[in-house]
N, C-alpha and C. Protein backbone atom coordinates (compact mmCIF):
# COMPACT_ATOMS: atom_id res chain seq x y z
N MET A 1 79.50 117.66 68.64
CA MET A 1 79.67 117.78 70.07
C MET A 1 79.84 116.42 70.73
N GLY A 2 79.43 115.35 70.06
CA GLY A 2 79.41 114.04 70.68
C GLY A 2 80.75 113.59 71.24
N SER A 3 81.84 113.84 70.50
CA SER A 3 83.15 113.38 70.95
C SER A 3 83.57 114.06 72.24
N PHE A 4 83.10 115.28 72.47
CA PHE A 4 83.47 115.99 73.68
C PHE A 4 82.66 115.55 74.89
N LEU A 5 81.69 114.68 74.68
CA LEU A 5 80.93 114.12 75.80
C LEU A 5 81.60 112.89 76.38
N ASP A 6 82.64 112.40 75.71
CA ASP A 6 83.36 111.21 76.17
C ASP A 6 84.11 111.55 77.45
N PRO A 7 83.87 110.82 78.55
CA PRO A 7 84.59 111.11 79.81
C PRO A 7 86.04 110.65 79.73
N MET A 8 86.90 111.53 79.29
CA MET A 8 88.31 111.20 79.05
C MET A 8 89.06 110.80 80.31
N ILE A 9 88.66 111.31 81.46
CA ILE A 9 89.41 111.03 82.68
C ILE A 9 89.50 109.54 82.95
N ALA A 10 88.49 108.78 82.55
CA ALA A 10 88.50 107.35 82.80
C ALA A 10 89.57 106.63 81.99
N LYS A 11 90.10 107.26 80.95
CA LYS A 11 91.16 106.68 80.14
C LYS A 11 92.54 106.93 80.74
N SER A 12 92.63 107.81 81.72
CA SER A 12 93.93 108.18 82.29
C SER A 12 94.58 107.00 83.02
N PRO A 13 95.90 106.83 82.86
CA PRO A 13 96.58 105.78 83.59
C PRO A 13 96.54 105.98 85.10
N ALA A 14 96.19 107.19 85.55
CA ALA A 14 96.10 107.47 86.98
C ALA A 14 94.68 107.34 87.51
N TYR A 15 93.77 106.84 86.69
CA TYR A 15 92.35 106.87 87.07
C TYR A 15 92.06 106.15 88.37
N HIS A 16 92.58 104.94 88.54
CA HIS A 16 92.30 104.18 89.76
C HIS A 16 92.88 104.88 90.99
N THR A 17 94.04 105.51 90.80
CA THR A 17 94.63 106.29 91.90
C THR A 17 93.75 107.47 92.25
N ILE A 18 93.22 108.13 91.23
CA ILE A 18 92.34 109.28 91.45
C ILE A 18 91.10 108.87 92.22
N ILE A 19 90.46 107.78 91.80
CA ILE A 19 89.26 107.30 92.50
C ILE A 19 89.58 106.99 93.95
N SER A 20 90.70 106.31 94.18
CA SER A 20 91.09 105.95 95.55
C SER A 20 91.30 107.19 96.41
N ARG A 21 91.99 108.18 95.84
CA ARG A 21 92.24 109.41 96.60
C ARG A 21 90.95 110.14 96.92
N LEU A 22 90.07 110.22 95.95
CA LEU A 22 88.81 110.92 96.17
C LEU A 22 87.97 110.21 97.23
N GLN A 23 87.98 108.90 97.23
CA GLN A 23 87.24 108.15 98.23
C GLN A 23 87.82 108.34 99.63
N SER A 24 89.09 108.78 99.68
CA SER A 24 89.75 109.03 100.97
C SER A 24 89.67 110.50 101.38
N GLY A 25 88.92 111.30 100.62
CA GLY A 25 88.70 112.69 101.00
C GLY A 25 89.43 113.73 100.20
N ALA A 26 90.16 113.32 99.13
CA ALA A 26 90.89 114.29 98.30
C ALA A 26 89.91 115.13 97.48
N SER A 27 90.41 116.24 96.95
CA SER A 27 89.59 117.15 96.15
C SER A 27 90.06 117.16 94.71
N LEU A 28 89.14 117.43 93.79
CA LEU A 28 89.46 117.48 92.36
C LEU A 28 88.81 118.69 91.73
N LEU A 29 89.58 119.37 90.88
CA LEU A 29 89.07 120.50 90.10
C LEU A 29 89.14 120.15 88.62
N ASP A 30 88.00 120.17 87.96
CA ASP A 30 87.90 119.86 86.53
C ASP A 30 87.91 121.19 85.77
N VAL A 31 89.02 121.45 85.07
CA VAL A 31 89.23 122.71 84.36
C VAL A 31 88.77 122.56 82.92
N GLY A 32 87.85 123.41 82.48
CA GLY A 32 87.25 123.25 81.16
C GLY A 32 86.27 122.09 81.19
N CYS A 33 85.38 122.12 82.15
CA CYS A 33 84.55 120.95 82.48
C CYS A 33 83.45 120.66 81.47
N PHE A 34 83.11 121.63 80.61
CA PHE A 34 82.01 121.51 79.65
C PHE A 34 80.71 121.21 80.40
N ILE A 35 80.09 120.06 80.21
CA ILE A 35 78.82 119.76 80.90
C ILE A 35 79.02 118.87 82.11
N GLY A 36 80.27 118.59 82.47
CA GLY A 36 80.53 117.79 83.67
C GLY A 36 80.56 116.29 83.44
N GLN A 37 80.86 115.86 82.21
CA GLN A 37 80.84 114.44 81.91
C GLN A 37 81.93 113.66 82.66
N ASP A 38 83.11 114.25 82.83
CA ASP A 38 84.17 113.57 83.57
C ASP A 38 83.79 113.40 85.04
N LEU A 39 83.20 114.43 85.62
CA LEU A 39 82.82 114.37 87.03
C LEU A 39 81.72 113.34 87.24
N ARG A 40 80.81 113.25 86.32
CA ARG A 40 79.74 112.26 86.45
C ARG A 40 80.30 110.84 86.36
N ARG A 41 81.33 110.63 85.54
CA ARG A 41 81.95 109.32 85.47
C ARG A 41 82.63 108.99 86.80
N LEU A 42 83.29 109.97 87.40
CA LEU A 42 83.92 109.75 88.70
C LEU A 42 82.90 109.34 89.75
N VAL A 43 81.77 110.04 89.78
CA VAL A 43 80.72 109.71 90.75
C VAL A 43 80.16 108.32 90.48
N PHE A 44 79.97 108.00 89.21
CA PHE A 44 79.45 106.68 88.84
C PHE A 44 80.38 105.57 89.33
N ASP A 45 81.69 105.85 89.32
CA ASP A 45 82.67 104.84 89.73
C ASP A 45 83.01 104.91 91.22
N GLY A 46 82.24 105.66 91.98
CA GLY A 46 82.37 105.59 93.43
C GLY A 46 82.98 106.78 94.12
N ALA A 47 83.33 107.84 93.39
CA ALA A 47 83.88 109.03 94.03
C ALA A 47 82.76 109.88 94.60
N PRO A 48 82.91 110.37 95.83
CA PRO A 48 81.89 111.27 96.39
C PRO A 48 81.93 112.62 95.70
N ALA A 49 80.77 113.22 95.53
CA ALA A 49 80.68 114.49 94.80
C ALA A 49 81.04 115.69 95.67
N ALA A 50 81.14 115.50 96.98
CA ALA A 50 81.31 116.63 97.89
C ALA A 50 82.56 117.45 97.62
N ASN A 51 83.64 116.80 97.19
CA ASN A 51 84.90 117.51 96.96
C ASN A 51 85.25 117.62 95.48
N LEU A 52 84.24 117.59 94.62
CA LEU A 52 84.44 117.74 93.19
C LEU A 52 84.04 119.16 92.78
N TYR A 53 84.97 119.82 92.07
CA TYR A 53 84.74 121.20 91.63
C TYR A 53 84.94 121.29 90.13
N ALA A 54 84.18 122.18 89.50
CA ALA A 54 84.24 122.33 88.05
C ALA A 54 84.32 123.80 87.69
N VAL A 55 85.10 124.10 86.66
CA VAL A 55 85.21 125.49 86.21
C VAL A 55 85.25 125.53 84.69
N ASP A 56 84.59 126.51 84.11
CA ASP A 56 84.65 126.74 82.68
C ASP A 56 84.38 128.22 82.44
N ILE A 57 84.95 128.74 81.35
CA ILE A 57 84.80 130.16 81.07
C ILE A 57 83.40 130.49 80.56
N VAL A 58 82.71 129.48 80.02
CA VAL A 58 81.33 129.61 79.58
C VAL A 58 80.53 128.48 80.21
N SER A 59 79.37 128.77 80.73
CA SER A 59 78.59 127.76 81.43
C SER A 59 77.72 126.93 80.49
N HIS A 60 77.96 125.61 80.53
CA HIS A 60 77.07 124.65 79.89
C HIS A 60 76.50 123.72 80.96
N TRP A 61 76.57 124.16 82.19
CA TRP A 61 76.23 123.31 83.32
C TRP A 61 74.76 122.88 83.29
N GLU A 62 73.87 123.81 82.94
CA GLU A 62 72.45 123.48 82.88
C GLU A 62 72.17 122.44 81.80
N VAL A 63 72.93 122.51 80.71
CA VAL A 63 72.78 121.50 79.66
C VAL A 63 73.11 120.11 80.20
N GLY A 64 74.12 120.04 81.07
CA GLY A 64 74.48 118.76 81.68
C GLY A 64 73.35 118.19 82.51
N TYR A 65 72.72 119.03 83.31
CA TYR A 65 71.58 118.55 84.10
C TYR A 65 70.45 118.06 83.21
N GLU A 66 70.19 118.78 82.12
CA GLU A 66 69.11 118.40 81.22
C GLU A 66 69.42 117.09 80.50
N LEU A 67 70.70 116.93 80.11
CA LEU A 67 71.07 115.73 79.37
C LEU A 67 71.07 114.49 80.26
N PHE A 68 71.65 114.61 81.45
CA PHE A 68 71.79 113.45 82.34
C PHE A 68 70.62 113.28 83.31
N ARG A 69 69.78 114.30 83.41
CA ARG A 69 68.58 114.24 84.27
C ARG A 69 68.94 113.85 85.70
N ASP A 70 69.92 114.55 86.25
CA ASP A 70 70.41 114.17 87.58
C ASP A 70 70.53 115.37 88.52
N ARG A 71 69.74 116.40 88.28
CA ARG A 71 69.83 117.60 89.10
C ARG A 71 69.64 117.29 90.59
N ASP A 72 68.81 116.31 90.88
CA ASP A 72 68.50 116.00 92.28
C ASP A 72 69.55 115.13 92.96
N ARG A 73 70.56 114.65 92.20
CA ARG A 73 71.52 113.74 92.82
C ARG A 73 72.98 114.01 92.44
N PHE A 74 73.23 114.95 91.53
CA PHE A 74 74.61 115.28 91.15
C PHE A 74 74.95 116.63 91.75
N SER A 75 75.89 116.65 92.69
CA SER A 75 76.08 117.86 93.50
C SER A 75 77.48 118.45 93.44
N ALA A 76 78.23 118.18 92.37
CA ALA A 76 79.53 118.82 92.21
C ALA A 76 79.34 120.34 92.10
N SER A 77 80.34 121.10 92.55
CA SER A 77 80.24 122.56 92.55
C SER A 77 80.80 123.14 91.26
N PHE A 78 80.03 124.02 90.60
CA PHE A 78 80.45 124.62 89.34
C PHE A 78 80.71 126.10 89.51
N MET A 79 81.77 126.59 88.84
CA MET A 79 82.09 128.02 88.82
C MET A 79 82.30 128.47 87.38
N GLU A 80 81.65 129.55 87.00
CA GLU A 80 81.84 130.13 85.67
C GLU A 80 82.83 131.28 85.79
N THR A 81 84.07 131.04 85.38
CA THR A 81 85.11 132.05 85.47
C THR A 81 86.29 131.65 84.61
N ASP A 82 87.23 132.55 84.44
CA ASP A 82 88.43 132.32 83.65
C ASP A 82 89.56 131.91 84.58
N ILE A 83 90.22 130.78 84.31
CA ILE A 83 91.29 130.34 85.20
C ILE A 83 92.46 131.31 85.19
N LEU A 84 92.60 132.10 84.11
CA LEU A 84 93.68 133.08 84.05
C LEU A 84 93.34 134.35 84.84
N ASN A 85 92.08 134.51 85.16
CA ASN A 85 91.63 135.65 85.95
C ASN A 85 90.50 135.18 86.86
N PRO A 86 90.81 134.30 87.81
CA PRO A 86 89.77 133.63 88.58
C PRO A 86 88.99 134.57 89.49
N ASN A 87 87.72 134.25 89.67
CA ASN A 87 86.89 135.04 90.58
C ASN A 87 87.17 134.61 92.03
N GLU A 88 86.51 135.26 92.95
CA GLU A 88 86.75 135.01 94.37
C GLU A 88 86.42 133.57 94.75
N GLU A 89 85.36 133.03 94.18
CA GLU A 89 84.95 131.66 94.50
C GLU A 89 86.04 130.66 94.13
N LEU A 90 86.63 130.84 92.95
CA LEU A 90 87.69 129.92 92.53
C LEU A 90 88.97 130.16 93.32
N ARG A 91 89.28 131.40 93.63
CA ARG A 91 90.49 131.68 94.40
C ARG A 91 90.44 131.05 95.79
N ALA A 92 89.26 130.76 96.27
CA ALA A 92 89.13 130.12 97.58
C ALA A 92 89.71 128.71 97.58
N LEU A 93 89.95 128.16 96.40
CA LEU A 93 90.50 126.80 96.29
C LEU A 93 92.01 126.79 96.13
N LEU A 94 92.65 127.94 96.15
CA LEU A 94 94.10 127.98 96.01
C LEU A 94 94.78 127.12 97.08
N GLU A 95 95.73 126.29 96.61
CA GLU A 95 96.52 125.39 97.47
C GLU A 95 95.66 124.33 98.16
N LYS A 96 94.47 124.04 97.63
CA LYS A 96 93.58 123.08 98.28
C LYS A 96 93.17 121.90 97.40
N ILE A 97 93.71 121.84 96.17
CA ILE A 97 93.27 120.82 95.22
C ILE A 97 94.31 119.70 95.11
N ASP A 98 93.82 118.46 95.14
CA ASP A 98 94.71 117.29 95.08
C ASP A 98 94.82 116.70 93.67
N VAL A 99 93.81 116.93 92.85
CA VAL A 99 93.83 116.46 91.46
C VAL A 99 93.27 117.56 90.57
N LEU A 100 94.03 117.93 89.54
CA LEU A 100 93.57 118.89 88.54
C LEU A 100 93.37 118.13 87.23
N ASN A 101 92.15 118.13 86.74
CA ASN A 101 91.82 117.46 85.49
C ASN A 101 91.71 118.51 84.40
N VAL A 102 92.57 118.42 83.38
CA VAL A 102 92.65 119.46 82.35
C VAL A 102 92.70 118.79 80.97
N THR A 103 91.60 118.76 80.27
CA THR A 103 91.54 118.11 78.96
C THR A 103 90.96 119.06 77.91
N HIS A 104 91.61 119.09 76.74
CA HIS A 104 91.17 119.93 75.62
C HIS A 104 91.09 121.40 76.02
N VAL A 105 92.09 121.88 76.74
CA VAL A 105 92.10 123.27 77.18
C VAL A 105 93.38 123.97 76.74
N LEU A 106 94.53 123.48 77.18
CA LEU A 106 95.78 124.22 77.01
C LEU A 106 96.19 124.39 75.56
N HIS A 107 95.89 123.43 74.70
CA HIS A 107 96.37 123.50 73.32
C HIS A 107 95.74 124.63 72.51
N GLN A 108 94.77 125.30 73.07
CA GLN A 108 94.14 126.41 72.33
C GLN A 108 95.00 127.66 72.33
N TRP A 109 96.07 127.67 73.16
CA TRP A 109 96.89 128.86 73.30
C TRP A 109 98.28 128.69 72.70
N GLU A 110 98.97 129.79 72.54
CA GLU A 110 100.38 129.78 72.18
C GLU A 110 101.21 129.31 73.36
N TRP A 111 102.49 129.01 73.10
CA TRP A 111 103.38 128.46 74.13
C TRP A 111 103.40 129.31 75.40
N GLU A 112 103.60 130.61 75.25
CA GLU A 112 103.72 131.48 76.42
C GLU A 112 102.46 131.45 77.27
N GLN A 113 101.30 131.43 76.61
CA GLN A 113 100.04 131.39 77.35
C GLN A 113 99.84 130.04 78.02
N GLN A 114 100.29 128.96 77.37
CA GLN A 114 100.18 127.65 78.00
C GLN A 114 101.02 127.59 79.27
N VAL A 115 102.23 128.15 79.22
CA VAL A 115 103.08 128.17 80.41
C VAL A 115 102.42 128.97 81.52
N GLU A 116 101.87 130.14 81.16
CA GLU A 116 101.22 130.98 82.17
C GLU A 116 99.99 130.29 82.74
N ALA A 117 99.24 129.58 81.89
CA ALA A 117 98.07 128.86 82.38
C ALA A 117 98.48 127.74 83.33
N ALA A 118 99.56 127.04 82.98
CA ALA A 118 100.04 125.97 83.85
C ALA A 118 100.53 126.54 85.18
N LYS A 119 101.17 127.70 85.15
CA LYS A 119 101.57 128.36 86.40
C LYS A 119 100.34 128.70 87.25
N GLN A 120 99.30 129.18 86.57
CA GLN A 120 98.08 129.51 87.29
C GLN A 120 97.48 128.26 87.93
N LEU A 121 97.46 127.17 87.18
CA LEU A 121 96.93 125.92 87.72
C LEU A 121 97.74 125.46 88.92
N SER A 122 99.06 125.67 88.87
CA SER A 122 99.92 125.22 89.97
C SER A 122 99.56 125.90 91.28
N LYS A 123 98.94 127.07 91.22
CA LYS A 123 98.57 127.79 92.44
C LYS A 123 97.49 127.07 93.23
N PHE A 124 96.76 126.18 92.56
CA PHE A 124 95.72 125.43 93.25
C PHE A 124 96.26 124.15 93.89
N SER A 125 97.50 123.84 93.61
CA SER A 125 98.08 122.56 94.03
C SER A 125 98.76 122.64 95.38
N ARG A 126 99.15 121.48 95.86
CA ARG A 126 100.00 121.33 97.03
C ARG A 126 100.87 120.10 96.77
N PRO A 127 101.92 119.88 97.54
CA PRO A 127 102.77 118.71 97.28
C PRO A 127 101.95 117.42 97.19
N GLY A 128 102.20 116.66 96.13
CA GLY A 128 101.45 115.44 95.89
C GLY A 128 100.32 115.58 94.91
N THR A 129 99.95 116.80 94.57
CA THR A 129 98.86 117.03 93.62
C THR A 129 99.18 116.44 92.26
N LEU A 130 98.18 115.83 91.63
CA LEU A 130 98.29 115.30 90.26
C LEU A 130 97.61 116.26 89.29
N VAL A 131 98.25 116.48 88.15
CA VAL A 131 97.62 117.18 87.02
C VAL A 131 97.48 116.16 85.91
N VAL A 132 96.26 115.83 85.52
CA VAL A 132 96.03 114.77 84.54
C VAL A 132 95.18 115.29 83.40
N GLY A 133 95.27 114.61 82.25
CA GLY A 133 94.41 114.97 81.15
C GLY A 133 95.00 114.66 79.79
N TYR A 134 94.42 115.29 78.78
CA TYR A 134 94.80 115.09 77.39
C TYR A 134 94.74 116.44 76.67
N GLN A 135 95.64 116.62 75.72
CA GLN A 135 95.53 117.79 74.86
C GLN A 135 96.06 117.43 73.48
N ALA A 136 95.65 118.19 72.49
CA ALA A 136 96.12 117.96 71.13
C ALA A 136 97.62 118.17 71.08
N ALA A 137 98.30 117.34 70.27
CA ALA A 137 99.76 117.36 70.23
C ALA A 137 100.23 117.04 68.81
N SER A 138 101.55 117.01 68.63
CA SER A 138 102.15 116.75 67.33
C SER A 138 103.34 115.82 67.49
N THR A 139 103.56 114.97 66.50
CA THR A 139 104.73 114.09 66.55
C THR A 139 106.01 114.86 66.32
N GLY A 140 105.92 116.04 65.72
CA GLY A 140 107.10 116.87 65.51
C GLY A 140 107.32 117.80 66.69
N GLY A 141 108.12 118.83 66.46
CA GLY A 141 108.33 119.81 67.51
C GLY A 141 107.11 120.69 67.68
N PRO A 142 107.11 121.52 68.72
CA PRO A 142 105.98 122.42 68.94
C PRO A 142 105.74 123.30 67.72
N LYS A 143 104.50 123.42 67.31
CA LYS A 143 104.21 124.23 66.14
C LYS A 143 102.81 124.81 66.24
N LYS A 144 102.62 125.92 65.56
CA LYS A 144 101.32 126.56 65.54
C LYS A 144 100.46 125.90 64.47
N GLU A 145 99.20 125.66 64.82
CA GLU A 145 98.28 125.05 63.89
C GLU A 145 97.08 125.95 63.71
N THR A 146 96.73 126.21 62.46
CA THR A 146 95.49 126.90 62.14
C THR A 146 94.86 126.15 60.99
N ARG A 147 93.81 125.41 61.31
CA ARG A 147 93.14 124.60 60.29
C ARG A 147 91.64 124.80 60.43
N GLY A 148 90.94 124.75 59.31
CA GLY A 148 89.50 124.94 59.37
C GLY A 148 88.76 123.74 58.85
N GLU A 149 87.59 123.51 59.40
CA GLU A 149 86.73 122.43 58.91
C GLU A 149 85.28 122.79 59.22
N ARG A 150 84.44 122.67 58.23
CA ARG A 150 83.01 122.92 58.40
C ARG A 150 82.77 124.30 59.03
N GLY A 151 83.58 125.28 58.63
CA GLY A 151 83.39 126.63 59.11
C GLY A 151 84.02 126.90 60.46
N ALA A 152 84.60 125.86 61.10
CA ALA A 152 85.25 126.05 62.40
C ALA A 152 86.74 126.16 62.20
N GLU A 153 87.39 126.99 62.99
CA GLU A 153 88.82 127.16 62.88
C GLU A 153 89.50 126.74 64.17
N TYR A 154 90.57 125.96 64.02
CA TYR A 154 91.36 125.54 65.18
C TYR A 154 92.69 126.26 65.14
N THR A 155 93.04 126.94 66.20
CA THR A 155 94.31 127.62 66.28
C THR A 155 94.95 127.32 67.63
N GLY A 156 96.20 126.93 67.62
CA GLY A 156 96.88 126.67 68.89
C GLY A 156 98.30 126.20 68.65
N ARG A 157 99.01 126.01 69.74
CA ARG A 157 100.38 125.53 69.68
C ARG A 157 100.40 124.06 70.12
N LEU A 158 100.63 123.17 69.16
CA LEU A 158 100.67 121.75 69.47
C LEU A 158 102.03 121.37 70.03
N GLN A 159 102.04 120.71 71.15
CA GLN A 159 103.28 120.32 71.78
C GLN A 159 103.62 118.87 71.48
N ASN A 160 104.85 118.47 71.86
CA ASN A 160 105.23 117.07 71.91
C ASN A 160 105.67 116.77 73.34
N VAL A 161 106.13 115.54 73.59
CA VAL A 161 106.49 115.16 74.95
C VAL A 161 107.64 116.02 75.49
N GLU A 162 108.62 116.29 74.64
CA GLU A 162 109.78 117.06 75.08
C GLU A 162 109.38 118.47 75.51
N SER A 163 108.57 119.13 74.70
CA SER A 163 108.17 120.50 75.05
C SER A 163 107.24 120.51 76.26
N TRP A 164 106.43 119.46 76.38
CA TRP A 164 105.55 119.35 77.54
C TRP A 164 106.36 119.27 78.84
N ASP A 165 107.41 118.43 78.82
CA ASP A 165 108.29 118.34 79.99
C ASP A 165 108.97 119.67 80.26
N GLU A 166 109.40 120.36 79.20
CA GLU A 166 110.05 121.66 79.36
C GLU A 166 109.09 122.67 79.99
N MET A 167 107.82 122.58 79.61
CA MET A 167 106.85 123.51 80.17
C MET A 167 106.74 123.35 81.68
N TRP A 168 106.70 122.12 82.16
CA TRP A 168 106.57 121.91 83.60
C TRP A 168 107.86 122.24 84.34
N ASP A 169 109.00 122.12 83.65
CA ASP A 169 110.24 122.63 84.24
C ASP A 169 110.15 124.15 84.41
N ALA A 170 109.60 124.82 83.40
CA ALA A 170 109.43 126.27 83.46
C ALA A 170 108.45 126.66 84.56
N VAL A 171 107.39 125.87 84.72
CA VAL A 171 106.43 126.14 85.79
C VAL A 171 107.12 126.05 87.15
N GLY A 172 107.93 125.00 87.33
CA GLY A 172 108.63 124.83 88.60
C GLY A 172 109.56 125.99 88.90
N LYS A 173 110.34 126.38 87.90
CA LYS A 173 111.29 127.48 88.10
C LYS A 173 110.57 128.80 88.37
N GLY A 174 109.42 128.98 87.73
CA GLY A 174 108.71 130.23 87.87
C GLY A 174 107.87 130.34 89.13
N THR A 175 107.61 129.21 89.79
CA THR A 175 106.73 129.22 90.97
C THR A 175 107.39 128.68 92.23
N GLY A 176 108.65 128.24 92.12
CA GLY A 176 109.33 127.69 93.28
C GLY A 176 108.80 126.33 93.69
N THR A 177 108.27 125.60 92.71
CA THR A 177 107.77 124.25 92.95
C THR A 177 108.59 123.26 92.12
N GLU A 178 108.28 121.98 92.26
CA GLU A 178 108.96 120.95 91.47
C GLU A 178 107.94 119.94 91.00
N TRP A 179 108.05 119.55 89.71
CA TRP A 179 107.05 118.68 89.10
C TRP A 179 107.72 117.52 88.38
N LYS A 180 107.08 116.36 88.44
CA LYS A 180 107.51 115.19 87.67
C LYS A 180 106.47 114.93 86.59
N SER A 181 106.91 115.03 85.34
CA SER A 181 105.99 114.87 84.22
C SER A 181 106.13 113.49 83.59
N GLU A 182 105.02 112.80 83.44
CA GLU A 182 104.96 111.52 82.72
C GLU A 182 103.95 111.70 81.60
N ALA A 183 104.44 111.69 80.37
CA ALA A 183 103.57 111.97 79.24
C ALA A 183 103.95 111.09 78.06
N LYS A 184 102.97 110.81 77.22
CA LYS A 184 103.25 110.08 75.98
C LYS A 184 102.22 110.47 74.94
N LEU A 185 102.62 110.31 73.68
CA LEU A 185 101.72 110.61 72.57
C LEU A 185 100.88 109.38 72.23
N LYS A 186 99.62 109.62 71.94
CA LYS A 186 98.72 108.55 71.52
C LYS A 186 97.95 109.03 70.30
N THR A 187 97.60 108.12 69.43
CA THR A 187 96.77 108.51 68.30
C THR A 187 95.36 108.81 68.81
N TRP A 188 94.66 109.63 68.03
CA TRP A 188 93.28 109.94 68.42
C TRP A 188 92.44 108.67 68.43
N ALA A 189 92.73 107.74 67.52
CA ALA A 189 91.99 106.48 67.48
C ALA A 189 92.22 105.67 68.75
N GLU A 190 93.45 105.69 69.27
CA GLU A 190 93.74 104.97 70.51
C GLU A 190 92.94 105.50 71.69
N CYS A 191 92.53 106.75 71.58
CA CYS A 191 91.75 107.37 72.65
C CYS A 191 90.26 107.35 72.37
N GLY A 192 89.87 106.58 71.34
CA GLY A 192 88.45 106.37 71.09
C GLY A 192 87.80 107.31 70.09
N TYR A 193 88.62 108.11 69.39
CA TYR A 193 88.06 109.05 68.41
C TYR A 193 88.04 108.43 67.02
N ASP A 194 87.06 108.81 66.24
CA ASP A 194 86.98 108.39 64.84
C ASP A 194 88.06 109.13 64.06
N PRO A 195 89.00 108.41 63.42
CA PRO A 195 90.08 109.07 62.68
C PRO A 195 89.59 110.06 61.63
N GLU A 196 88.45 109.80 61.04
CA GLU A 196 87.92 110.71 60.03
C GLU A 196 87.52 112.05 60.64
N GLU A 197 87.11 112.04 61.90
CA GLU A 197 86.69 113.27 62.55
C GLU A 197 87.86 114.16 62.94
N THR A 198 89.06 113.58 63.01
CA THR A 198 90.24 114.36 63.42
C THR A 198 91.26 114.49 62.29
N ALA A 199 90.90 114.03 61.08
CA ALA A 199 91.84 114.06 59.96
C ALA A 199 92.26 115.48 59.59
N TYR A 200 91.39 116.45 59.84
CA TYR A 200 91.70 117.84 59.47
C TYR A 200 92.90 118.39 60.25
N LEU A 201 93.26 117.73 61.36
CA LEU A 201 94.41 118.18 62.16
C LEU A 201 95.74 117.79 61.53
N GLY A 202 95.72 116.86 60.56
CA GLY A 202 96.95 116.47 59.88
C GLY A 202 97.46 115.10 60.31
N GLU A 203 98.32 114.51 59.50
CA GLU A 203 98.82 113.16 59.77
C GLU A 203 99.68 113.07 61.02
N ASP A 204 100.32 114.16 61.40
CA ASP A 204 101.20 114.12 62.57
C ASP A 204 100.48 114.49 63.85
N ALA A 205 99.17 114.70 63.79
CA ALA A 205 98.42 115.09 64.98
C ALA A 205 98.25 113.90 65.92
N ARG A 206 98.41 114.16 67.18
CA ARG A 206 98.27 113.16 68.22
C ARG A 206 97.58 113.79 69.43
N LEU A 207 97.31 112.97 70.43
CA LEU A 207 96.93 113.46 71.74
C LEU A 207 98.08 113.19 72.69
N ILE A 208 98.37 114.13 73.56
CA ILE A 208 99.36 113.89 74.59
C ILE A 208 98.61 113.53 75.87
N GLU A 209 98.93 112.36 76.41
CA GLU A 209 98.33 111.88 77.65
C GLU A 209 99.31 112.15 78.77
N PHE A 210 98.89 112.84 79.82
CA PHE A 210 99.85 113.26 80.83
C PHE A 210 99.35 113.03 82.25
N VAL A 211 100.32 112.71 83.10
CA VAL A 211 100.14 112.69 84.54
C VAL A 211 101.34 113.43 85.11
N VAL A 212 101.08 114.60 85.67
CA VAL A 212 102.15 115.44 86.21
C VAL A 212 101.95 115.51 87.72
N THR A 213 103.00 115.22 88.47
CA THR A 213 102.91 115.17 89.92
C THR A 213 103.73 116.28 90.55
N ARG A 214 103.14 117.00 91.47
CA ARG A 214 103.91 118.00 92.20
C ARG A 214 104.75 117.31 93.27
N VAL A 215 106.05 117.42 93.13
CA VAL A 215 106.98 116.77 94.05
C VAL A 215 107.15 117.59 95.32
N ARG A 216 107.25 118.89 95.15
CA ARG A 216 107.37 119.78 96.32
C ARG A 216 106.80 121.16 95.99
């Protein structure tokens, strides 16, 4: 679990922009927030917690409070729901989010589901919204991966930069919006992971680092 505690948002090339926007009153939704490690890093670096929101399909939120011992001072809002079938609390944020943080979420699905999930995320955006994060990727073309290690199985559709850009083109066409995608592949080691811990994904496995901006 240790690698998933790493606050990946701080590695984003848009991080300083995100902090600046949040300090000016922008809102952020952390999708697949786990225990809230990314949000805590944002607060540590000066972002106010008032407009920080977190969502995950399974709640580990109490674990975050126990680990960081900050229940009395960390006030980001958490929602336990599925982004593909959001509850009323999450739907209240539609068209109100300025930054969507999405890391280690989309690659768990097949291509069609990733496109649908991205369309769902777009409903929370407005012109100027940033979608940032990291997901597992491949140096080759999009492909399905099913690999097991220590009794755990990983299954998903690994993308590359070209397919990632195509996905956001599809999102735009399907939602009447327009997106500018800036993405690149990085090795897991470049993102701070132990290569031995990710070797089971294969030699062509990478992380895709992305900053996607809603143009209109």
